[in-house]
């Protein structure tokens, strides 16, 4: 028998073995295990008739103990044995129908995001004799109530129109208010840190004020807060400041956080040199203007900006982080001005639903071959020229009269459109929805130079 025939038989045997394994796996799938281990000396069992997960034994639960658990969506209650000493990081993730859990007196440690995506929680109760933790109104705290660990999203507290954090709290922990349905949250003076994902998916939250005492803000704090329009920072805060509802460092050189529900367009102030990681993540803006003061764009800075259709990256930028424009699925054009392109990875713009060859890369005259010779950039549809992307994609917008004293009109508006007026520092001083032929009043503005932005195009206005 020849070598080729032997190889063919070997491959056929491998396929038959793979089919047999898959068949056995499928059959076993009908009888998922209802018990197992979740710590060195801990076991779990699941009662499908009541939807109860019971944890028994002595000692610590593993981190991610139930990450690949088969009954995440079927578990309604968790009962933890009286000799279990800790709950690990991400122990009960995606238990989407979990409604109640009782923390026994033996628990001395609860890991980060232990109840991640448990958005049906009605009750978290802590036994009164527990020396480390306490609960009040279905909100989990440490014993001294200086750390707010988890608010039950479907409890009375989690579904009320507002929540006032107790004055004793100094730390809002990771994932603390995830999925809660309040429209406002009052963070008291005294809070020092706000953890990662602290307000994840608080879909009714519209505004929040960060007090002067906060010195640390985690990543993705307000991710998926789809109605959040403004984040204000107390003026006496030594670390942060806000302008137009957007958070910066105190010197306004780093743009840290933009709320999700910012609409239409935004001009980044020309004091900014760094756009922080995740700064615009999941924002609804359709246009962002990056000034030539910016030198660094952080990891995932514009991730999941589904309304973003074009972006101009100035030549001042020397670094673009991983996945900076990841999942920007409507991005069709990118304008760059480097003579020689900087190095980027394939995931800066790419994702499963983005094809780089379908994005127009507009480069300066005489530089196209430089981009065609470099990895990643060469995958774009490279077009050489000097005209702006905005002028190619947006009908001409003119404002008149200009200079203006009391009011002006904007031509080219064919439907209700957001018009933004910014001062020379980039601060938004007026924003309104304008219908065709509507007059825009500016008599209240001081004399000077302003910038009017309509659908991503910016025009200078002189106010007399």
Protein backbone atom coordinates (compact mmCIF):
# COMPACT_ATOMS: atom_id res chain seq x y z
CA UNK A 1 0.00 0.00 0.00
CA UNK A 2 1.42 3.41 -0.97
CA UNK A 3 2.20 6.22 1.43
CA UNK A 4 -0.66 8.35 0.05
CA UNK A 5 -3.24 5.57 0.56
CA UNK A 6 -1.99 4.95 4.12
CA UNK A 7 -2.31 8.66 4.91
CA UNK A 8 -5.86 8.69 3.54
CA UNK A 9 -6.89 5.74 5.74
CA UNK A 10 -5.27 7.41 8.76
CA UNK A 11 -7.25 10.62 8.14
CA UNK A 12 -10.48 8.61 7.74
CA UNK A 13 -9.83 6.86 11.05
CA UNK A 14 -9.27 10.24 12.74
CA UNK A 15 -12.56 11.55 11.32
CA UNK A 16 -14.45 8.44 12.50
CA UNK A 17 -12.92 8.81 15.98
CA UNK A 18 -13.87 12.52 16.04
CA UNK A 19 -17.45 11.67 15.02
CA UNK A 20 -17.63 9.05 17.77
CA UNK A 21 -16.38 11.52 20.40
CA UNK A 22 -18.85 14.20 19.22
CA UNK A 23 -21.70 11.68 19.33
CA UNK A 24 -20.82 10.61 22.85
CA UNK A 25 -20.56 14.28 23.89
CA UNK A 26 -23.97 15.03 22.43
CA UNK A 27 -25.54 12.08 24.23
CA UNK A 28 -23.89 13.06 27.51
CA UNK A 29 -25.20 16.59 26.98
CA UNK A 30 -28.68 15.36 27.83
CA UNK A 31 -27.49 14.40 31.32
CA UNK A 32 -25.40 17.31 32.57
CA UNK A 33 -23.61 16.73 35.86
CA UNK A 34 -25.62 18.11 38.80
CA UNK A 35 -22.71 18.13 41.24
CA UNK A 36 -19.00 18.81 41.31
CA UNK A 37 -16.15 20.57 43.10
CA UNK A 38 -15.70 24.33 43.51
CA UNK A 39 -12.78 24.43 45.93
CA UNK A 40 -10.11 22.13 47.31
CA UNK A 41 -12.50 20.93 50.01
CA UNK A 42 -15.77 22.24 48.61
CA UNK A 43 -18.48 20.58 46.54
CA UNK A 44 -21.60 21.88 44.83
CA UNK A 45 -24.94 20.34 43.92
CA UNK A 46 -27.83 21.68 41.88
CA UNK A 47 -31.51 20.93 42.48
CA UNK A 48 -33.34 21.56 39.22
CA UNK A 49 -36.77 21.36 40.87
CA UNK A 50 -36.10 24.46 42.99
CA UNK A 51 -33.28 26.09 41.00
CA UNK A 52 -31.06 25.97 44.10
CA UNK A 53 -27.27 25.71 44.01
CA UNK A 54 -25.89 24.42 47.31
CA UNK A 55 -22.21 24.75 48.25
CA UNK A 56 -20.91 22.45 50.99
CA UNK A 57 -17.62 21.67 52.71
CA UNK A 58 -14.85 23.66 54.35
CA UNK A 59 -12.55 26.36 53.03
CA UNK A 60 -12.25 28.67 50.06
CA UNK A 61 -14.12 28.78 46.77
CA UNK A 62 -11.96 28.98 43.67
CA UNK A 63 -11.88 32.09 41.53
CA UNK A 64 -14.13 31.58 38.49
CA UNK A 65 -15.48 28.46 40.22
CA UNK A 66 -18.74 28.50 38.22
CA UNK A 67 -17.53 30.15 35.03
CA UNK A 68 -18.22 27.03 32.96
CA UNK A 69 -21.15 25.89 35.08
CA UNK A 70 -24.04 24.43 33.05
CA UNK A 71 -26.89 25.91 35.09
CA UNK A 72 -26.07 29.64 35.15
CA UNK A 73 -29.42 30.65 33.71
CA UNK A 74 -31.39 28.04 35.71
CA UNK A 75 -30.05 28.91 39.16
CA UNK A 76 -32.42 31.06 41.22
CA UNK A 77 -30.97 30.67 44.71
CA UNK A 78 -27.50 30.07 46.14
CA UNK A 79 -27.06 28.46 49.55
CA UNK A 80 -23.55 28.66 50.98
CA UNK A 81 -22.57 26.26 53.74
CA UNK A 82 -21.62 27.51 57.20
CA UNK A 83 -17.97 26.41 56.86
CA UNK A 84 -17.23 28.11 53.53
CA UNK A 85 -14.70 30.90 54.16
CA UNK A 86 -14.53 32.88 50.92
CA UNK A 87 -16.21 33.68 47.61
CA UNK A 88 -13.68 34.08 44.80
CA UNK A 89 -13.37 36.52 41.90
CA UNK A 90 -16.16 36.15 39.32
CA UNK A 91 -17.53 33.15 41.22
CA UNK A 92 -21.14 33.46 40.01
CA UNK A 93 -20.89 35.14 36.57
CA UNK A 94 -23.90 35.35 34.26
CA UNK A 95 -26.33 33.85 36.78
CA UNK A 96 -28.99 35.84 34.97
CA UNK A 97 -31.96 34.48 36.95
CA UNK A 98 -30.34 34.41 40.38
CA UNK A 99 -32.72 36.21 42.75
CA UNK A 100 -31.29 35.62 46.22
CA UNK A 101 -28.12 34.71 48.07
CA UNK A 102 -27.33 34.55 51.77
CA UNK A 103 -23.79 35.18 53.00
CA UNK A 104 -23.10 33.04 56.10
CA UNK A 105 -21.13 34.18 59.14
CA UNK A 106 -18.12 32.12 58.03
CA UNK A 107 -17.38 34.19 54.90
CA UNK A 108 -14.36 36.43 55.47
CA UNK A 109 -13.53 37.39 51.86
CA UNK A 110 -15.55 38.19 48.73
CA UNK A 111 -13.64 38.56 45.46
CA UNK A 112 -13.99 41.12 42.68
CA UNK A 113 -17.17 40.98 40.58
CA UNK A 114 -18.34 37.88 42.45
CA UNK A 115 -21.91 38.46 41.18
CA UNK A 116 -21.03 39.72 37.70
CA UNK A 117 -24.07 40.04 35.39
CA UNK A 118 -26.42 38.75 38.11
CA UNK A 119 -28.98 41.34 37.08
CA UNK A 120 -32.05 39.62 38.56
CA UNK A 121 -30.82 39.76 42.14
CA UNK A 122 -33.57 40.81 44.53
CA UNK A 123 -31.86 40.01 47.80
CA UNK A 124 -28.34 39.77 49.22
CA UNK A 125 -28.53 38.99 52.92
CA UNK A 126 -25.62 38.67 55.34
CA UNK A 127 -25.95 36.79 58.61
CA UNK A 128 -25.77 39.31 61.42
CA UNK A 129 -22.90 37.49 63.15
CA UNK A 130 -20.60 37.78 60.12
CA UNK A 131 -17.52 39.73 61.33
CA UNK A 132 -16.55 41.08 57.88
CA UNK A 133 -19.73 41.97 55.96
CA UNK A 134 -23.16 43.50 56.43
CA UNK A 135 -26.26 44.12 54.31
CA UNK A 136 -28.76 46.95 54.42
CA UNK A 137 -31.77 47.25 52.12
CA UNK A 138 -30.36 44.41 49.98
CA UNK A 139 -27.07 46.27 49.48
CA UNK A 140 -23.87 44.45 50.43
CA UNK A 141 -21.20 46.34 52.43
CA UNK A 142 -18.15 45.50 54.45
CA UNK A 143 -18.85 45.46 58.19
CA UNK A 144 -17.85 49.09 58.74
CA UNK A 145 -19.92 50.18 55.69
CA UNK A 146 -16.93 51.93 54.19
CA UNK A 147 -17.01 49.70 51.09
CA UNK A 148 -20.16 49.38 48.98
CA UNK A 149 -19.76 45.98 47.31
CA UNK A 150 -23.02 45.13 45.50
CA UNK A 151 -26.50 46.56 45.16
CA UNK A 152 -29.20 44.02 44.25
CA UNK A 153 -30.48 45.28 40.87
CA UNK A 154 -34.08 44.11 41.32
CA UNK A 155 -34.40 45.07 44.98
CA UNK A 156 -36.29 48.12 46.18
CA UNK A 157 -33.00 50.03 46.28
CA UNK A 158 -31.93 48.89 42.83
CA UNK A 159 -35.20 49.82 41.11
CA UNK A 160 -35.97 53.11 42.86
CA UNK A 161 -35.65 56.39 40.95
CA UNK A 162 -32.64 57.45 43.00
CA UNK A 163 -30.16 56.09 45.50
CA UNK A 164 -28.16 57.97 48.11
CA UNK A 165 -24.92 56.23 49.01
CA UNK A 166 -24.40 56.27 52.80
CA UNK A 167 -21.97 58.90 54.08
CA UNK A 168 -19.80 56.20 55.65
CA UNK A 169 -18.76 54.81 52.24
CA UNK A 170 -15.26 55.61 50.98
CA UNK A 171 -15.01 53.00 48.20
CA UNK A 172 -17.49 51.93 45.52
CA UNK A 173 -16.27 48.50 44.49
CA UNK A 174 -16.03 46.89 41.03
CA UNK A 175 -19.45 46.02 39.57
CA UNK A 176 -21.21 47.54 42.60
CA UNK A 177 -24.32 48.94 40.86
CA UNK A 178 -24.31 46.85 37.71
CA UNK A 179 -27.77 46.59 36.18
CA UNK A 180 -29.49 48.85 38.73
CA UNK A 181 -32.38 50.91 37.39
CA UNK A 182 -32.17 54.22 39.24
CA UNK A 183 -32.17 57.48 37.28
CA UNK A 184 -29.84 59.31 39.65
CA UNK A 185 -27.11 58.38 42.08
CA UNK A 186 -25.78 60.63 44.82
CA UNK A 187 -22.14 59.98 45.64
CA UNK A 188 -21.28 61.67 48.95
CA UNK A 189 -18.18 63.59 49.87
CA UNK A 190 -15.80 61.09 51.41
CA UNK A 191 -15.85 58.56 48.56
CA UNK A 192 -12.25 58.14 47.41
CA UNK A 193 -12.41 55.45 44.73
CA UNK A 194 -14.90 54.20 42.13
CA UNK A 195 -14.16 50.72 40.80
CA UNK A 196 -14.19 49.19 37.33
CA UNK A 197 -17.69 48.52 35.94
CA UNK A 198 -19.12 50.22 39.04
CA UNK A 199 -22.24 51.44 37.18
CA UNK A 200 -22.20 48.96 34.29
CA UNK A 201 -25.47 48.77 32.40
CA UNK A 202 -27.35 51.30 34.55
CA UNK A 203 -29.59 52.04 31.60
CA UNK A 204 -31.76 54.68 33.32
CA UNK A 205 -28.95 56.75 34.81
CA UNK A 206 -28.94 60.19 33.16
CA UNK A 207 -26.38 62.18 35.15
CA UNK A 208 -23.93 61.80 37.98
CA UNK A 209 -21.68 64.10 40.02
CA UNK A 210 -18.26 63.01 41.21
CA UNK A 211 -17.36 64.64 44.56
CA UNK A 212 -14.15 66.45 45.39
CA UNK A 213 -12.76 63.52 47.41
CA UNK A 214 -12.59 60.99 44.54
CA UNK A 215 -8.99 60.35 43.47
CA UNK A 216 -9.36 57.05 41.58
CA UNK A 217 -11.80 56.13 38.79
CA UNK A 218 -11.66 52.61 37.31
CA UNK A 219 -12.11 51.53 33.69
CA UNK A 220 -15.52 51.31 31.99
CA UNK A 221 -17.21 52.80 35.06
CA UNK A 222 -20.32 53.88 33.13
CA UNK A 223 -20.24 51.33 30.29
CA UNK A 224 -23.65 50.74 28.65
CA UNK A 225 -25.28 53.57 30.63
CA UNK A 226 -27.15 54.37 27.44
CA UNK A 227 -29.01 57.45 28.78
CA UNK A 228 -26.06 59.06 30.55
CA UNK A 229 -25.53 62.54 29.09
CA UNK A 230 -23.38 64.23 31.70
CA UNK A 231 -20.67 63.44 34.25
CA UNK A 232 -19.90 66.44 36.43
CA UNK A 233 -16.90 66.76 38.75
CA UNK A 234 -16.90 69.08 41.77
CA UNK A 235 -14.65 72.04 41.02
CA UNK A 236 -12.55 71.46 44.15
CA UNK A 237 -11.55 67.92 43.14
CA UNK A 238 -7.70 67.89 43.02
CA UNK A 239 -7.42 65.07 40.45
CA UNK A 240 -10.23 65.51 37.94
CA UNK A 241 -12.31 68.20 36.26
CA UNK A 242 -15.26 68.16 33.88
CA UNK A 243 -16.32 70.27 30.96
CA UNK A 244 -19.50 69.81 28.91
CA UNK A 245 -20.17 66.66 30.92
CA UNK A 246 -16.85 65.03 29.96
CA UNK A 247 -14.15 64.08 32.50
CA UNK A 248 -10.51 65.18 32.21
CA UNK A 249 -7.52 65.17 34.50
CA UNK A 250 -7.13 68.40 36.46
CA UNK A 251 -4.75 69.94 33.93
CA UNK A 252 -7.14 69.04 31.09
CA UNK A 253 -4.32 67.30 29.23
CA UNK A 254 -5.90 63.82 29.41
CA UNK A 255 -9.45 63.13 28.27
CA UNK A 256 -10.60 60.35 30.58
CA UNK A 257 -14.29 59.65 30.11
CA UNK A 258 -17.15 60.64 27.81
CA UNK A 259 -20.72 59.62 28.75
CA UNK A 260 -22.48 57.19 26.40
CA UNK A 261 -25.41 59.41 25.43
CA UNK A 262 -23.37 62.31 24.05
CA UNK A 263 -24.93 62.86 20.63
CA UNK A 264 -23.86 64.11 17.20
CA UNK A 265 -20.36 65.59 17.41
CA UNK A 266 -17.62 66.65 19.79
CA UNK A 267 -14.45 68.72 19.38
CA UNK A 268 -11.70 67.64 21.77
CA UNK A 269 -10.09 70.70 23.41
CA UNK A 270 -6.65 71.56 22.08
CA UNK A 271 -5.18 71.29 25.60
CA UNK A 272 -5.52 67.51 25.40
CA UNK A 273 -2.40 65.45 24.64
CA UNK A 274 -3.69 62.01 25.68
CA UNK A 275 -6.98 60.30 24.95
CA UNK A 276 -7.16 57.73 27.73
CA UNK A 277 -7.96 54.04 27.31
CA UNK A 278 -11.70 53.44 26.91
CA UNK A 279 -12.39 57.21 26.95
CA UNK A 280 -15.14 57.10 24.28
CA UNK A 281 -16.05 53.42 24.59
CA UNK A 282 -19.63 52.77 23.43
CA UNK A 283 -20.38 56.50 22.97
CA UNK A 284 -23.17 57.47 20.56
CA UNK A 285 -21.25 60.35 18.98
CA UNK A 286 -21.19 60.33 15.18
CA UNK A 287 -18.17 62.63 14.93
CA UNK A 288 -15.10 63.36 17.06
CA UNK A 289 -12.53 65.98 16.10
CA UNK A 290 -9.04 65.19 17.37
CA UNK A 291 -6.80 68.30 17.63
CA UNK A 292 -3.15 68.31 16.61
CA UNK A 293 -2.18 68.60 20.28
CA UNK A 294 -2.93 64.89 20.82
CA UNK A 295 0.09 62.58 20.78
CA UNK A 296 -1.40 59.37 22.20
CA UNK A 297 -4.67 57.46 21.70
CA UNK A 298 -5.13 54.80 24.39
CA UNK A 299 -6.22 51.18 24.17
CA UNK A 300 -9.87 50.81 23.10
CA UNK A 301 -10.29 54.59 23.28
CA UNK A 302 -13.05 54.65 20.63
CA UNK A 303 -14.14 51.02 20.91
CA UNK A 304 -17.74 50.21 19.91
CA UNK A 305 -18.61 53.72 18.68
CA UNK A 306 -21.21 52.36 16.30
CA UNK A 307 -22.24 55.79 14.96
CA UNK A 308 -18.72 56.89 14.05
CA UNK A 309 -18.41 57.04 10.25
CA UNK A 310 -15.15 58.94 9.78
CA UNK A 311 -12.15 60.03 11.77
CA UNK A 312 -9.14 62.27 11.12
CA UNK A 313 -5.96 61.36 13.00
CA UNK A 314 -3.52 64.31 13.10
CA UNK A 315 0.19 63.88 12.41
CA UNK A 316 0.95 64.78 16.03
CA UNK A 317 -0.23 61.30 17.12
CA UNK A 318 2.73 58.97 17.67
CA UNK A 319 0.94 56.10 19.40
CA UNK A 320 -2.40 54.32 18.87
CA UNK A 321 -3.28 51.65 21.43
CA UNK A 322 -4.67 48.16 20.94
CA UNK A 323 -8.23 48.03 19.58
CA UNK A 324 -8.52 51.82 19.64
CA UNK A 325 -11.28 51.74 16.98
CA UNK A 326 -12.41 48.15 17.49
CA UNK A 327 -16.06 47.41 16.64
CA UNK A 328 -16.55 50.80 14.96
CA UNK A 329 -18.65 48.94 12.42
CA UNK A 330 -19.86 52.02 10.49
CA UNK A 331 -16.42 53.52 10.02
CA UNK A 332 -15.95 54.06 6.29
CA UNK A 333 -13.14 56.59 6.07
CA UNK A 334 -9.96 57.47 7.94
CA UNK A 335 -7.82 60.50 7.17
CA UNK A 336 -4.16 60.55 8.22
CA UNK A 337 -1.37 63.06 7.63
CA UNK A 338 1.90 61.26 8.41
CA UNK A 339 4.46 61.08 5.64
CA UNK A 340 5.46 57.67 6.96
CA UNK A 341 2.76 55.73 8.84
CA UNK A 342 3.23 54.78 12.47
CA UNK A 343 3.09 51.12 13.44
CA UNK A 344 -0.29 49.67 14.47
CA UNK A 345 -1.67 46.17 15.02
CA UNK A 346 -4.40 44.58 12.90
CA UNK A 347 -6.99 45.00 15.66
CA UNK A 348 -6.69 48.78 15.99
CA UNK A 349 -9.43 49.14 13.36
CA UNK A 350 -10.32 45.54 12.57
CA UNK A 351 -12.89 43.24 14.12
CA UNK A 352 -15.08 40.38 12.96
CA UNK A 353 -17.60 42.81 11.41
CA UNK A 354 -15.08 45.24 9.89
CA UNK A 355 -13.15 44.70 6.65
CA UNK A 356 -10.23 47.08 6.26
CA UNK A 357 -10.40 47.04 2.45
CA UNK A 358 -13.86 48.62 2.71
CA UNK A 359 -12.49 51.60 4.67
CA UNK A 360 -11.10 54.50 2.64
CA UNK A 361 -7.72 55.67 3.93
CA UNK A 362 -7.12 59.24 2.76
CA UNK A 363 -3.42 60.10 2.83
CA UNK A 364 -1.40 63.16 1.82
CA UNK A 365 -0.27 63.62 -1.77
CA UNK A 366 2.84 61.62 -2.60
CA UNK A 367 2.63 59.28 0.40
CA UNK A 368 0.34 56.45 -0.81
CA UNK A 369 3.21 54.08 -1.61
CA UNK A 370 4.57 54.52 1.92
CA UNK A 371 1.31 53.15 3.28
CA UNK A 372 1.06 50.35 0.73
CA UNK A 373 4.44 49.10 1.95
CA UNK A 374 3.43 48.79 5.62
CA UNK A 375 1.49 45.97 7.31
CA UNK A 376 -2.11 46.72 8.29
CA UNK A 377 -2.20 50.09 6.53
CA UNK A 378 -1.78 48.38 3.17
CA UNK A 379 -5.07 46.52 3.75
CA UNK A 380 -7.09 49.78 3.49
CA UNK A 381 -8.50 51.27 0.32
CA UNK A 382 -5.80 53.93 0.02
CA UNK A 383 -6.69 57.19 -1.68
CA UNK A 384 -4.18 59.97 -2.17
CA UNK A 385 -5.22 63.60 -1.95
CA UNK A 386 -5.59 66.60 0.33
CA UNK A 387 -9.37 67.18 0.46
CA UNK A 388 -10.99 66.47 3.81
CA UNK A 389 -13.15 63.44 4.43
CA UNK A 390 -15.80 65.63 5.97
CA UNK A 391 -16.14 67.68 2.78
CA UNK A 392 -16.43 64.49 0.73
CA UNK A 393 -19.21 63.04 2.85
CA UNK A 394 -21.24 65.96 4.21
CA UNK A 395 -23.20 68.52 2.18
CA UNK A 396 -21.86 72.07 2.33
CA UNK A 397 -22.85 73.89 5.52
CA UNK A 398 -22.71 77.69 5.56
CA UNK A 399 -23.66 80.09 8.32
CA UNK A 400 -24.95 83.60 7.72
CA UNK A 401 -24.60 86.36 8.61
CA UNK A 402 -21.00 85.92 9.69
CA UNK A 403 -19.94 87.97 11.64
CA UNK A 404 -23.21 87.89 13.59
CA UNK A 405 -24.59 89.85 16.54
CA UNK A 406 -27.88 88.36 17.74
CA UNK A 407 -28.51 85.31 15.58
CA UNK A 408 -27.52 83.36 12.49
CA UNK A 409 -28.87 80.69 10.17
CA UNK A 410 -27.19 77.54 8.88
CA UNK A 411 -27.78 76.41 5.30
CA UNK A 412 -27.64 72.77 4.28
CA UNK A 413 -29.78 71.51 7.17
CA UNK A 414 -32.49 69.30 5.66
CA UNK A 415 -33.76 67.57 8.81
CA UNK A 416 -33.74 68.13 12.60
CA UNK A 417 -30.03 68.33 13.39
CA UNK A 418 -27.90 68.96 16.48
CA UNK A 419 -25.92 72.22 16.18
CA UNK A 420 -23.05 72.70 18.63
CA UNK A 421 -21.30 76.02 19.34
CA UNK A 422 -17.87 75.85 21.03
CA UNK A 423 -15.50 78.54 22.19
CA UNK A 424 -11.83 78.71 21.25
CA UNK A 425 -10.89 76.33 24.10
CA UNK A 426 -13.20 73.65 22.73
CA UNK A 427 -15.79 74.11 25.47
CA UNK A 428 -19.39 73.64 24.34
CA UNK A 429 -21.29 76.85 25.10
CA UNK A 430 -24.53 76.07 23.28
CA UNK A 431 -26.13 72.97 21.79
CA UNK A 432 -29.59 72.60 20.33
CA UNK A 433 -31.64 70.68 17.78
CA UNK A 434 -32.30 72.87 14.75
CA UNK A 435 -34.91 72.32 12.05
CA UNK A 436 -34.51 73.56 8.44
CA UNK A 437 -34.55 77.38 8.14
CA UNK A 438 -34.55 77.89 11.93
CA UNK A 439 -32.73 80.94 13.29
CA UNK A 440 -30.16 80.25 16.02
CA UNK A 441 -30.02 82.89 18.75
CA UNK A 442 -26.57 83.87 20.11
CA UNK A 443 -27.25 87.29 21.65
CA UNK A 444 -26.33 85.96 25.10
CA UNK A 445 -22.81 84.96 24.00
CA UNK A 446 -19.89 87.29 24.56
CA UNK A 447 -18.03 88.82 21.62
CA UNK A 448 -15.32 86.63 20.19
CA UNK A 449 -14.53 83.68 17.97
CA UNK A 450 -16.64 80.51 18.13
CA UNK A 451 -16.89 77.28 16.19
CA UNK A 452 -20.21 75.95 14.89
CA UNK A 453 -20.38 72.19 14.28
CA UNK A 454 -23.09 70.58 12.15
CA UNK A 455 -22.95 66.86 11.26
CA UNK A 456 -19.22 66.70 11.81
CA UNK A 457 -18.32 69.84 9.84
CA UNK A 458 -17.02 72.85 11.77
CA UNK A 459 -17.26 76.49 10.64
CA UNK A 460 -15.73 79.52 12.38
CA UNK A 461 -18.21 82.13 13.61
CA UNK A 462 -17.34 85.66 14.68
CA UNK A 463 -19.70 87.01 17.35
CA UNK A 464 -19.88 90.82 17.41
